[in-house]
Amino acid sequence: MPSPLAHILSGATVYLIGANRQRRGKIALGVCLLGSLLPDFDFLPGLLIGEPRAYHHGISHSVGFAVMFGAAVLFVLRYLRRSDIAMQAGVMGALAYGFHAILDAVSVNEGAKAVPLLWPIIPAEFGINLGLLGRFHHDGLADGLRSVIRLENLSALAREVMVLGIPSLLVYVWTAKRRKDEIPSLQTFEGEDR
């Protein structure tokens, strides 16, 4: 199972690729980061019944929920009179949410639960371990942060940085270069009336 770091890196990459170069905004970034983490909040309903893992890797890890998240972002931003970014943020949020489910589906370790990736179209669960990411250990919520801040998680985090962090950094450099190339140099304005 990927760590929150892997999911954040995938959401940041969606933002970097999808954000309008002229209008990179905090709202779109926030939507992408929220979408990249939100599927794992499926432990909250389980808390009500005393079993935090009861619904983990359930339908919240699916294309159906990704589309619903994107639609919710679209409607909320339109309601808040931010139609200028509503569609872009909704699509990017849905993609970031969907990438969370995909990462979990391709990182199913032994004993872990697969995900209903194509729900509601196909209710079957999908899961395979491609071996791209390490095994991130956590014992649940009882120990709080101590359940995830463990020495044995360092190798998994290092693999996530290699597999997802380096490509995210390359996308950042690439998009920054594209933005720089689009900004006219000061020489363009020499001799013109201002």
N, C-alpha and C. Protein backbone atom coordinates (compact mmCIF):
# COMPACT_ATOMS: atom_id res chain seq x y z
N MET A 1 0.84 -1.17 0.00
CA MET A 1 0.00 0.00 0.00
C MET A 1 0.89 1.25 0.00
N PRO A 2 0.60 2.19 -0.86
CA PRO A 2 1.38 3.43 -0.89
C PRO A 2 1.15 4.27 0.37
N SER A 3 2.12 5.09 0.67
CA SER A 3 2.00 6.00 1.81
C SER A 3 1.27 7.27 1.38
N PRO A 4 0.89 8.11 2.34
CA PRO A 4 0.31 9.41 1.96
C PRO A 4 1.25 10.23 1.08
N LEU A 5 2.56 10.08 1.27
CA LEU A 5 3.52 10.81 0.43
C LEU A 5 3.34 10.45 -1.04
N ALA A 6 3.18 9.17 -1.34
CA ALA A 6 2.99 8.75 -2.74
C ALA A 6 1.73 9.37 -3.31
N HIS A 7 0.67 9.38 -2.54
CA HIS A 7 -0.59 9.96 -3.03
C HIS A 7 -0.47 11.47 -3.23
N ILE A 8 0.22 12.15 -2.32
CA ILE A 8 0.42 13.59 -2.47
C ILE A 8 1.25 13.89 -3.72
N LEU A 9 2.30 13.10 -3.94
CA LEU A 9 3.13 13.31 -5.14
C LEU A 9 2.33 13.11 -6.41
N SER A 10 1.44 12.11 -6.42
CA SER A 10 0.63 11.90 -7.63
C SER A 10 -0.35 13.06 -7.83
N GLY A 11 -0.94 13.56 -6.75
CA GLY A 11 -1.85 14.71 -6.86
C GLY A 11 -1.12 15.96 -7.31
N ALA A 12 0.09 16.17 -6.80
CA ALA A 12 0.88 17.33 -7.22
C ALA A 12 1.25 17.24 -8.70
N THR A 13 1.53 16.04 -9.17
CA THR A 13 1.87 15.86 -10.59
C THR A 13 0.66 16.15 -11.46
N VAL A 14 -0.51 15.70 -11.05
CA VAL A 14 -1.74 16.02 -11.80
C VAL A 14 -1.90 17.53 -11.88
N TYR A 15 -1.68 18.21 -10.76
CA TYR A 15 -1.78 19.67 -10.75
C TYR A 15 -0.78 20.31 -11.71
N LEU A 16 0.46 19.88 -11.65
CA LEU A 16 1.50 20.48 -12.50
C LEU A 16 1.21 20.29 -13.98
N ILE A 17 0.70 19.13 -14.34
CA ILE A 17 0.41 18.86 -15.75
C ILE A 17 -0.86 19.59 -16.19
N GLY A 18 -1.86 19.61 -15.32
CA GLY A 18 -3.17 20.12 -15.72
C GLY A 18 -3.44 21.58 -15.49
N ALA A 19 -2.68 22.21 -14.61
CA ALA A 19 -2.97 23.60 -14.28
C ALA A 19 -2.65 24.52 -15.44
N ASN A 20 -3.53 25.47 -15.64
CA ASN A 20 -3.33 26.48 -16.67
C ASN A 20 -2.04 27.24 -16.36
N ARG A 21 -1.18 27.31 -17.34
CA ARG A 21 0.13 27.93 -17.11
C ARG A 21 0.03 29.38 -16.68
N GLN A 22 -0.97 30.09 -17.17
CA GLN A 22 -1.09 31.49 -16.81
C GLN A 22 -1.77 31.68 -15.45
N ARG A 23 -2.57 30.70 -15.03
CA ARG A 23 -3.35 30.87 -13.81
C ARG A 23 -3.19 29.68 -12.88
N ARG A 24 -2.00 29.42 -12.45
CA ARG A 24 -1.82 28.37 -11.46
C ARG A 24 -2.36 28.91 -10.16
N GLY A 25 -3.28 28.19 -9.58
CA GLY A 25 -3.92 28.73 -8.40
C GLY A 25 -3.92 27.80 -7.21
N LYS A 26 -4.10 28.40 -6.05
CA LYS A 26 -4.13 27.64 -4.81
C LYS A 26 -5.35 26.74 -4.74
N ILE A 27 -6.45 27.17 -5.35
CA ILE A 27 -7.67 26.35 -5.30
C ILE A 27 -7.45 25.04 -6.04
N ALA A 28 -6.92 25.11 -7.27
CA ALA A 28 -6.69 23.89 -8.04
C ALA A 28 -5.68 22.99 -7.34
N LEU A 29 -4.64 23.57 -6.77
CA LEU A 29 -3.65 22.78 -6.03
C LEU A 29 -4.30 22.10 -4.83
N GLY A 30 -5.08 22.86 -4.07
CA GLY A 30 -5.77 22.29 -2.92
C GLY A 30 -6.72 21.16 -3.30
N VAL A 31 -7.44 21.34 -4.40
CA VAL A 31 -8.37 20.31 -4.87
C VAL A 31 -7.60 19.04 -5.25
N CYS A 32 -6.47 19.20 -5.94
CA CYS A 32 -5.67 18.04 -6.34
C CYS A 32 -5.10 17.31 -5.13
N LEU A 33 -4.60 18.06 -4.16
CA LEU A 33 -4.04 17.42 -2.97
C LEU A 33 -5.13 16.76 -2.14
N LEU A 34 -6.27 17.42 -2.00
CA LEU A 34 -7.39 16.81 -1.28
C LEU A 34 -7.86 15.54 -1.99
N GLY A 35 -8.02 15.63 -3.31
CA GLY A 35 -8.45 14.46 -4.07
C GLY A 35 -7.47 13.31 -3.99
N SER A 36 -6.19 13.62 -3.87
CA SER A 36 -5.18 12.56 -3.80
C SER A 36 -5.18 11.84 -2.45
N LEU A 37 -5.74 12.45 -1.43
CA LEU A 37 -5.77 11.84 -0.09
C LEU A 37 -7.16 11.37 0.34
N LEU A 38 -8.19 11.96 -0.21
CA LEU A 38 -9.56 11.73 0.25
C LEU A 38 -10.01 10.26 0.26
N PRO A 39 -9.63 9.43 -0.72
CA PRO A 39 -10.11 8.04 -0.67
C PRO A 39 -9.76 7.32 0.63
N ASP A 40 -8.65 7.67 1.26
CA ASP A 40 -8.26 6.98 2.49
C ASP A 40 -9.01 7.47 3.72
N PHE A 41 -9.88 8.44 3.55
CA PHE A 41 -10.73 8.86 4.67
C PHE A 41 -11.91 7.91 4.83
N ASP A 42 -11.86 6.78 4.11
CA ASP A 42 -12.91 5.78 4.24
C ASP A 42 -12.85 5.06 5.59
N PHE A 43 -11.85 5.38 6.41
CA PHE A 43 -11.80 4.82 7.76
C PHE A 43 -12.80 5.50 8.69
N LEU A 44 -13.25 6.71 8.34
CA LEU A 44 -14.14 7.45 9.23
C LEU A 44 -15.46 6.72 9.51
N PRO A 45 -16.16 6.18 8.50
CA PRO A 45 -17.38 5.43 8.83
C PRO A 45 -17.10 4.21 9.70
N GLY A 46 -15.93 3.60 9.51
CA GLY A 46 -15.57 2.45 10.33
C GLY A 46 -15.36 2.80 11.79
N LEU A 47 -14.94 4.03 12.05
CA LEU A 47 -14.78 4.47 13.45
C LEU A 47 -16.10 4.42 14.20
N LEU A 48 -17.19 4.70 13.48
CA LEU A 48 -18.51 4.70 14.12
C LEU A 48 -18.90 3.32 14.62
N ILE A 49 -18.39 2.28 13.99
CA ILE A 49 -18.72 0.92 14.41
C ILE A 49 -17.56 0.26 15.15
N GLY A 50 -16.50 1.03 15.41
CA GLY A 50 -15.36 0.51 16.15
C GLY A 50 -14.38 -0.30 15.33
N GLU A 51 -14.50 -0.27 14.01
CA GLU A 51 -13.59 -1.00 13.12
C GLU A 51 -13.11 -0.06 12.01
N PRO A 52 -12.03 0.69 12.25
CA PRO A 52 -11.59 1.68 11.26
C PRO A 52 -11.31 1.11 9.87
N ARG A 53 -10.92 -0.15 9.79
CA ARG A 53 -10.60 -0.74 8.48
C ARG A 53 -11.80 -1.40 7.79
N ALA A 54 -12.96 -1.31 8.38
CA ALA A 54 -14.14 -2.01 7.85
C ALA A 54 -14.46 -1.61 6.41
N TYR A 55 -14.28 -0.35 6.07
CA TYR A 55 -14.63 0.12 4.73
C TYR A 55 -13.41 0.52 3.90
N HIS A 56 -12.22 0.27 4.45
CA HIS A 56 -11.00 0.67 3.73
C HIS A 56 -10.85 -0.12 2.44
N HIS A 57 -10.50 0.58 1.40
CA HIS A 57 -10.38 0.04 0.03
C HIS A 57 -11.73 -0.42 -0.50
N GLY A 58 -12.77 0.23 -0.05
CA GLY A 58 -14.11 -0.04 -0.56
C GLY A 58 -14.41 0.84 -1.76
N ILE A 59 -15.69 1.16 -1.97
CA ILE A 59 -16.08 1.90 -3.16
C ILE A 59 -15.52 3.32 -3.21
N SER A 60 -14.99 3.80 -2.09
CA SER A 60 -14.34 5.12 -2.13
C SER A 60 -13.09 5.09 -3.01
N HIS A 61 -12.57 3.92 -3.29
CA HIS A 61 -11.39 3.76 -4.16
C HIS A 61 -11.85 3.32 -5.54
N SER A 62 -12.63 4.17 -6.21
CA SER A 62 -13.21 3.78 -7.50
C SER A 62 -13.35 4.97 -8.43
N VAL A 63 -13.54 4.64 -9.70
CA VAL A 63 -13.79 5.66 -10.72
C VAL A 63 -15.09 6.40 -10.40
N GLY A 64 -16.08 5.68 -9.92
CA GLY A 64 -17.36 6.30 -9.58
C GLY A 64 -17.21 7.41 -8.56
N PHE A 65 -16.45 7.15 -7.49
CA PHE A 65 -16.24 8.18 -6.48
C PHE A 65 -15.34 9.30 -7.00
N ALA A 66 -14.40 8.98 -7.88
CA ALA A 66 -13.56 10.03 -8.48
C ALA A 66 -14.42 11.00 -9.28
N VAL A 67 -15.36 10.46 -10.05
CA VAL A 67 -16.26 11.31 -10.83
C VAL A 67 -17.15 12.13 -9.90
N MET A 68 -17.65 11.51 -8.83
CA MET A 68 -18.49 12.26 -7.88
C MET A 68 -17.70 13.38 -7.21
N PHE A 69 -16.44 13.11 -6.87
CA PHE A 69 -15.61 14.16 -6.26
C PHE A 69 -15.41 15.31 -7.24
N GLY A 70 -15.08 14.99 -8.49
CA GLY A 70 -14.90 16.03 -9.50
C GLY A 70 -16.16 16.85 -9.70
N ALA A 71 -17.32 16.17 -9.73
CA ALA A 71 -18.59 16.88 -9.90
C ALA A 71 -18.88 17.77 -8.70
N ALA A 72 -18.58 17.29 -7.50
CA ALA A 72 -18.80 18.10 -6.30
C ALA A 72 -17.93 19.36 -6.33
N VAL A 73 -16.68 19.22 -6.75
CA VAL A 73 -15.79 20.38 -6.86
C VAL A 73 -16.36 21.37 -7.86
N LEU A 74 -16.79 20.87 -9.01
CA LEU A 74 -17.36 21.72 -10.05
C LEU A 74 -18.55 22.51 -9.52
N PHE A 75 -19.49 21.83 -8.87
CA PHE A 75 -20.69 22.49 -8.37
C PHE A 75 -20.38 23.48 -7.24
N VAL A 76 -19.50 23.11 -6.33
CA VAL A 76 -19.15 24.02 -5.23
C VAL A 76 -18.49 25.28 -5.76
N LEU A 77 -17.55 25.13 -6.69
CA LEU A 77 -16.87 26.31 -7.23
C LEU A 77 -17.82 27.19 -8.04
N ARG A 78 -18.75 26.57 -8.76
CA ARG A 78 -19.74 27.39 -9.48
C ARG A 78 -20.65 28.11 -8.50
N TYR A 79 -21.03 27.44 -7.43
CA TYR A 79 -21.86 28.07 -6.40
C TYR A 79 -21.13 29.26 -5.78
N LEU A 80 -19.81 29.12 -5.61
CA LEU A 80 -19.00 30.19 -5.03
C LEU A 80 -18.60 31.24 -6.06
N ARG A 81 -19.21 31.17 -7.22
CA ARG A 81 -18.96 32.13 -8.31
C ARG A 81 -17.51 32.09 -8.81
N ARG A 82 -16.95 30.89 -8.87
CA ARG A 82 -15.61 30.70 -9.41
C ARG A 82 -15.69 29.83 -10.67
N SER A 83 -16.63 30.17 -11.54
CA SER A 83 -16.83 29.42 -12.78
C SER A 83 -15.58 29.43 -13.66
N ASP A 84 -14.73 30.44 -13.49
CA ASP A 84 -13.52 30.55 -14.30
C ASP A 84 -12.57 29.37 -14.09
N ILE A 85 -12.61 28.75 -12.91
CA ILE A 85 -11.72 27.62 -12.64
C ILE A 85 -12.46 26.34 -12.30
N ALA A 86 -13.79 26.39 -12.25
CA ALA A 86 -14.58 25.25 -11.78
C ALA A 86 -14.36 23.99 -12.59
N MET A 87 -14.44 24.08 -13.91
CA MET A 87 -14.30 22.89 -14.75
C MET A 87 -12.89 22.31 -14.64
N GLN A 88 -11.90 23.17 -14.75
CA GLN A 88 -10.51 22.71 -14.68
C GLN A 88 -10.22 22.05 -13.32
N ALA A 89 -10.63 22.68 -12.24
CA ALA A 89 -10.39 22.13 -10.91
C ALA A 89 -11.17 20.83 -10.70
N GLY A 90 -12.40 20.76 -11.22
CA GLY A 90 -13.19 19.54 -11.09
C GLY A 90 -12.55 18.36 -11.81
N VAL A 91 -12.09 18.59 -13.03
CA VAL A 91 -11.45 17.51 -13.80
C VAL A 91 -10.14 17.10 -13.14
N MET A 92 -9.34 18.09 -12.75
CA MET A 92 -8.07 17.77 -12.10
C MET A 92 -8.28 17.05 -10.77
N GLY A 93 -9.28 17.46 -10.02
CA GLY A 93 -9.58 16.79 -8.76
C GLY A 93 -10.00 15.35 -8.97
N ALA A 94 -10.83 15.12 -9.99
CA ALA A 94 -11.25 13.75 -10.31
C ALA A 94 -10.06 12.89 -10.72
N LEU A 95 -9.15 13.46 -11.50
CA LEU A 95 -7.96 12.72 -11.92
C LEU A 95 -7.05 12.40 -10.73
N ALA A 96 -6.84 13.37 -9.85
CA ALA A 96 -6.01 13.12 -8.67
C ALA A 96 -6.63 12.05 -7.79
N TYR A 97 -7.94 12.12 -7.62
CA TYR A 97 -8.67 11.12 -6.83
C TYR A 97 -8.53 9.74 -7.49
N GLY A 98 -8.72 9.70 -8.81
CA GLY A 98 -8.61 8.44 -9.54
C GLY A 98 -7.22 7.84 -9.46
N PHE A 99 -6.19 8.69 -9.51
CA PHE A 99 -4.82 8.17 -9.41
C PHE A 99 -4.55 7.55 -8.05
N HIS A 100 -5.21 8.03 -7.02
CA HIS A 100 -5.08 7.40 -5.70
C HIS A 100 -5.56 5.95 -5.79
N ALA A 101 -6.74 5.76 -6.37
CA ALA A 101 -7.30 4.41 -6.49
C ALA A 101 -6.41 3.53 -7.36
N ILE A 102 -5.86 4.09 -8.44
CA ILE A 102 -4.99 3.31 -9.32
C ILE A 102 -3.71 2.90 -8.59
N LEU A 103 -3.10 3.84 -7.86
CA LEU A 103 -1.90 3.50 -7.09
C LEU A 103 -2.17 2.37 -6.10
N ASP A 104 -3.31 2.44 -5.43
CA ASP A 104 -3.65 1.37 -4.49
C ASP A 104 -3.90 0.05 -5.21
N ALA A 105 -4.49 0.10 -6.41
CA ALA A 105 -4.78 -1.12 -7.16
C ALA A 105 -3.51 -1.80 -7.68
N VAL A 106 -2.48 -1.04 -7.97
CA VAL A 106 -1.25 -1.64 -8.51
C VAL A 106 -0.19 -1.85 -7.42
N SER A 107 -0.58 -1.67 -6.18
CA SER A 107 0.35 -1.84 -5.06
C SER A 107 -0.24 -2.72 -3.97
N VAL A 108 -0.97 -3.74 -4.36
CA VAL A 108 -1.62 -4.61 -3.39
C VAL A 108 -0.61 -5.64 -2.91
N ASN A 109 -0.20 -5.50 -1.66
CA ASN A 109 0.74 -6.44 -1.06
C ASN A 109 0.01 -7.65 -0.51
N GLU A 110 0.76 -8.66 -0.17
CA GLU A 110 0.18 -9.89 0.36
C GLU A 110 -0.66 -9.58 1.60
N GLY A 111 -1.86 -10.08 1.61
CA GLY A 111 -2.77 -9.86 2.73
C GLY A 111 -3.56 -8.57 2.66
N ALA A 112 -3.25 -7.73 1.68
CA ALA A 112 -3.98 -6.46 1.55
C ALA A 112 -5.20 -6.65 0.66
N LYS A 113 -6.14 -5.77 0.80
CA LYS A 113 -7.39 -5.84 0.05
C LYS A 113 -7.26 -5.11 -1.29
N ALA A 114 -7.78 -5.73 -2.35
CA ALA A 114 -7.84 -5.08 -3.66
C ALA A 114 -8.92 -4.00 -3.62
N VAL A 115 -9.06 -3.26 -4.72
CA VAL A 115 -10.03 -2.16 -4.75
C VAL A 115 -11.04 -2.34 -5.88
N PRO A 116 -12.28 -1.89 -5.66
CA PRO A 116 -13.30 -1.96 -6.73
C PRO A 116 -13.12 -0.79 -7.70
N LEU A 117 -12.02 -0.80 -8.41
CA LEU A 117 -11.57 0.33 -9.23
C LEU A 117 -12.63 0.83 -10.20
N LEU A 118 -13.36 -0.07 -10.84
CA LEU A 118 -14.32 0.33 -11.87
C LEU A 118 -15.76 0.41 -11.37
N TRP A 119 -15.95 0.43 -10.05
CA TRP A 119 -17.30 0.58 -9.50
C TRP A 119 -17.85 1.93 -9.94
N PRO A 120 -19.07 2.06 -10.32
CA PRO A 120 -20.20 1.14 -10.30
C PRO A 120 -20.37 0.33 -11.59
N ILE A 121 -19.51 0.52 -12.57
CA ILE A 121 -19.64 -0.20 -13.84
C ILE A 121 -19.37 -1.68 -13.64
N ILE A 122 -18.25 -2.00 -13.01
CA ILE A 122 -17.89 -3.39 -12.71
C ILE A 122 -17.57 -3.45 -11.22
N PRO A 123 -18.37 -4.18 -10.44
CA PRO A 123 -18.17 -4.19 -9.00
C PRO A 123 -16.98 -5.06 -8.53
N ALA A 124 -16.36 -5.81 -9.43
CA ALA A 124 -15.25 -6.68 -9.05
C ALA A 124 -14.07 -5.86 -8.53
N GLU A 125 -13.30 -6.48 -7.63
CA GLU A 125 -12.13 -5.81 -7.08
C GLU A 125 -10.90 -6.15 -7.91
N PHE A 126 -10.04 -5.16 -8.08
CA PHE A 126 -8.82 -5.32 -8.85
C PHE A 126 -7.63 -5.07 -7.94
N GLY A 127 -6.61 -5.86 -8.12
CA GLY A 127 -5.40 -5.64 -7.35
C GLY A 127 -4.25 -6.49 -7.84
N ILE A 128 -3.11 -5.87 -7.93
CA ILE A 128 -1.88 -6.54 -8.34
C ILE A 128 -0.73 -5.77 -7.70
N ASN A 129 0.36 -6.44 -7.48
CA ASN A 129 1.53 -5.73 -6.98
C ASN A 129 2.56 -5.68 -8.09
N LEU A 130 2.71 -4.52 -8.70
CA LEU A 130 3.70 -4.36 -9.77
C LEU A 130 5.11 -4.23 -9.22
N GLY A 131 5.24 -4.11 -7.93
CA GLY A 131 6.55 -3.99 -7.31
C GLY A 131 7.21 -2.64 -7.47
N LEU A 132 6.42 -1.64 -7.87
CA LEU A 132 6.98 -0.30 -8.06
C LEU A 132 7.25 0.40 -6.74
N LEU A 133 6.33 0.24 -5.82
CA LEU A 133 6.43 0.93 -4.53
C LEU A 133 6.70 -0.10 -3.44
N GLY A 134 7.31 0.33 -2.38
CA GLY A 134 7.57 -0.58 -1.27
C GLY A 134 6.32 -0.82 -0.45
N ARG A 135 6.48 -1.61 0.58
CA ARG A 135 5.35 -1.89 1.47
C ARG A 135 5.39 -0.89 2.63
N PHE A 136 4.38 -0.06 2.68
CA PHE A 136 4.27 0.94 3.74
C PHE A 136 3.44 0.33 4.86
N HIS A 137 4.03 0.23 6.03
CA HIS A 137 3.37 -0.42 7.17
C HIS A 137 2.65 0.61 8.04
N HIS A 138 1.48 0.22 8.49
CA HIS A 138 0.78 1.01 9.51
C HIS A 138 -0.10 0.06 10.29
N ASP A 139 -0.23 0.33 11.56
CA ASP A 139 -0.97 -0.56 12.45
C ASP A 139 -2.37 -0.06 12.77
N GLY A 140 -2.80 0.96 12.11
CA GLY A 140 -4.11 1.51 12.41
C GLY A 140 -3.99 2.81 13.18
N LEU A 141 -5.08 3.20 13.79
CA LEU A 141 -5.13 4.51 14.43
C LEU A 141 -4.77 4.50 15.91
N ALA A 142 -4.68 3.33 16.50
CA ALA A 142 -4.50 3.25 17.95
C ALA A 142 -3.24 3.97 18.43
N ASP A 143 -2.14 3.84 17.70
CA ASP A 143 -0.88 4.46 18.11
C ASP A 143 -0.63 5.82 17.48
N GLY A 144 -1.59 6.34 16.74
CA GLY A 144 -1.43 7.65 16.12
C GLY A 144 -0.28 7.66 15.13
N LEU A 145 0.53 8.71 15.18
CA LEU A 145 1.64 8.85 14.24
C LEU A 145 2.69 7.76 14.40
N ARG A 146 2.80 7.20 15.61
CA ARG A 146 3.78 6.12 15.82
C ARG A 146 3.48 4.90 14.95
N SER A 147 2.23 4.78 14.50
CA SER A 147 1.88 3.62 13.67
C SER A 147 2.45 3.74 12.26
N VAL A 148 2.83 4.95 11.83
CA VAL A 148 3.38 5.13 10.48
C VAL A 148 4.82 5.63 10.48
N ILE A 149 5.23 6.34 11.53
CA ILE A 149 6.61 6.83 11.59
C ILE A 149 7.45 5.71 12.20
N ARG A 150 7.95 4.85 11.31
CA ARG A 150 8.69 3.67 11.72
C ARG A 150 9.89 3.49 10.81
N LEU A 151 10.94 2.95 11.35
CA LEU A 151 12.17 2.73 10.60
C LEU A 151 11.93 1.85 9.38
N GLU A 152 11.08 0.85 9.51
CA GLU A 152 10.83 -0.07 8.40
C GLU A 152 10.10 0.59 7.23
N ASN A 153 9.54 1.78 7.43
CA ASN A 153 8.87 2.49 6.33
C ASN A 153 9.83 3.33 5.49
N LEU A 154 11.06 3.51 5.95
CA LEU A 154 12.01 4.35 5.21
C LEU A 154 12.29 3.82 3.81
N SER A 155 12.42 2.51 3.66
CA SER A 155 12.71 1.96 2.32
C SER A 155 11.51 2.17 1.40
N ALA A 156 10.30 2.04 1.92
CA ALA A 156 9.11 2.28 1.10
C ALA A 156 9.05 3.75 0.68
N LEU A 157 9.33 4.65 1.60
CA LEU A 157 9.32 6.08 1.27
C LEU A 157 10.40 6.42 0.25
N ALA A 158 11.57 5.80 0.38
CA ALA A 158 12.65 6.05 -0.59
C ALA A 158 12.24 5.58 -1.99
N ARG A 159 11.58 4.43 -2.08
CA ARG A 159 11.11 3.95 -3.39
C ARG A 159 10.05 4.87 -3.96
N GLU A 160 9.16 5.36 -3.11
CA GLU A 160 8.13 6.28 -3.60
C GLU A 160 8.74 7.58 -4.13
N VAL A 161 9.76 8.07 -3.45
CA VAL A 161 10.44 9.27 -3.94
C VAL A 161 11.10 8.99 -5.28
N MET A 162 11.69 7.82 -5.43
CA MET A 162 12.34 7.47 -6.71
C MET A 162 11.30 7.31 -7.82
N VAL A 163 10.24 6.56 -7.55
CA VAL A 163 9.26 6.22 -8.58
C VAL A 163 8.31 7.37 -8.88
N LEU A 164 7.91 8.13 -7.87
CA LEU A 164 6.94 9.21 -8.06
C LEU A 164 7.53 10.61 -7.87
N GLY A 165 8.45 10.75 -6.94
CA GLY A 165 9.01 12.07 -6.64
C GLY A 165 9.89 12.61 -7.75
N ILE A 166 10.75 11.77 -8.30
CA ILE A 166 11.63 12.23 -9.38
C ILE A 166 10.82 12.62 -10.61
N PRO A 167 9.86 11.79 -11.06
CA PRO A 167 9.03 12.25 -12.19
C PRO A 167 8.25 13.54 -11.87
N SER A 168 7.77 13.69 -10.64
CA SER A 168 7.08 14.92 -10.25
C SER A 168 8.01 16.12 -10.36
N LEU A 169 9.24 15.95 -9.91
CA LEU A 169 10.23 17.03 -10.01
C LEU A 169 10.53 17.37 -11.47
N LEU A 170 10.66 16.34 -12.31
CA LEU A 170 10.91 16.58 -13.73
C LEU A 170 9.74 17.33 -14.38
N VAL A 171 8.51 16.95 -14.02
CA VAL A 171 7.34 17.66 -14.54
C VAL A 171 7.36 19.11 -14.07
N TYR A 172 7.73 19.33 -12.81
CA TYR A 172 7.81 20.69 -12.29
C TYR A 172 8.83 21.52 -13.08
N VAL A 173 10.01 20.95 -13.32
CA VAL A 173 11.05 21.67 -14.07
C VAL A 173 10.58 21.94 -15.49
N TRP A 174 9.96 20.94 -16.10
CA TRP A 174 9.47 21.09 -17.48
C TRP A 174 8.41 22.18 -17.57
N THR A 175 7.45 22.17 -16.65
CA THR A 175 6.39 23.19 -16.71
C THR A 175 6.93 24.57 -16.35
N ALA A 176 7.91 24.64 -15.44
CA ALA A 176 8.51 25.93 -15.10
C ALA A 176 9.25 26.50 -16.31
N LYS A 177 9.92 25.64 -17.05
CA LYS A 177 10.63 26.09 -18.25
C LYS A 177 9.63 26.58 -19.30
N ARG A 178 8.53 25.87 -19.45
CA ARG A 178 7.51 26.30 -20.41
C ARG A 178 6.95 27.66 -20.03
N ARG A 179 6.70 27.88 -18.74
CA ARG A 179 6.18 29.17 -18.28
C ARG A 179 7.21 30.27 -18.52
N LYS A 180 8.46 29.99 -18.26
CA LYS A 180 9.51 30.98 -18.45
C LYS A 180 9.63 31.35 -19.93
N ASP A 181 9.51 30.36 -20.81
CA ASP A 181 9.60 30.62 -22.25
C ASP A 181 8.45 31.49 -22.75
N GLU A 182 7.32 31.48 -22.04
CA GLU A 182 6.16 32.25 -22.48
C GLU A 182 6.17 33.68 -21.96
N ILE A 183 7.04 33.99 -21.01
CA ILE A 183 7.11 35.34 -20.45
C ILE A 183 8.03 36.16 -21.35
N PRO A 184 7.52 37.23 -21.91
CA PRO A 184 8.37 38.05 -22.78
C PRO A 184 9.53 38.65 -22.00
N SER A 185 10.67 38.70 -22.62
CA SER A 185 11.83 39.29 -21.96
C SER A 185 11.69 40.80 -21.94
N LEU A 186 12.47 41.45 -21.10
CA LEU A 186 12.42 42.91 -21.01
C LEU A 186 12.90 43.56 -22.30
N GLN A 187 13.76 42.87 -23.05
CA GLN A 187 14.27 43.43 -24.30
C GLN A 187 13.14 43.67 -25.30
N THR A 188 12.09 42.90 -25.22
CA THR A 188 10.96 43.05 -26.13
C THR A 188 10.35 44.44 -25.99
N PHE A 189 10.39 45.00 -24.77
CA PHE A 189 9.72 46.26 -24.50
C PHE A 189 10.63 47.49 -24.67
N GLU A 190 11.90 47.27 -24.95
CA GLU A 190 12.79 48.42 -25.12
C GLU A 190 12.37 49.25 -26.32
N GLY A 191 12.32 50.52 -26.12
CA GLY A 191 11.98 51.43 -27.21
C GLY A 191 10.49 51.60 -27.42
N GLU A 192 9.65 50.84 -26.73
CA GLU A 192 8.20 50.98 -26.87
C GLU A 192 7.70 51.96 -25.83
N ASP A 193 6.64 52.65 -26.15
CA ASP A 193 6.01 53.54 -25.18
C ASP A 193 5.28 52.69 -24.14
N ARG A 194 5.41 53.08 -22.91
CA ARG A 194 4.75 52.30 -21.85
C ARG A 194 3.60 53.03 -21.28
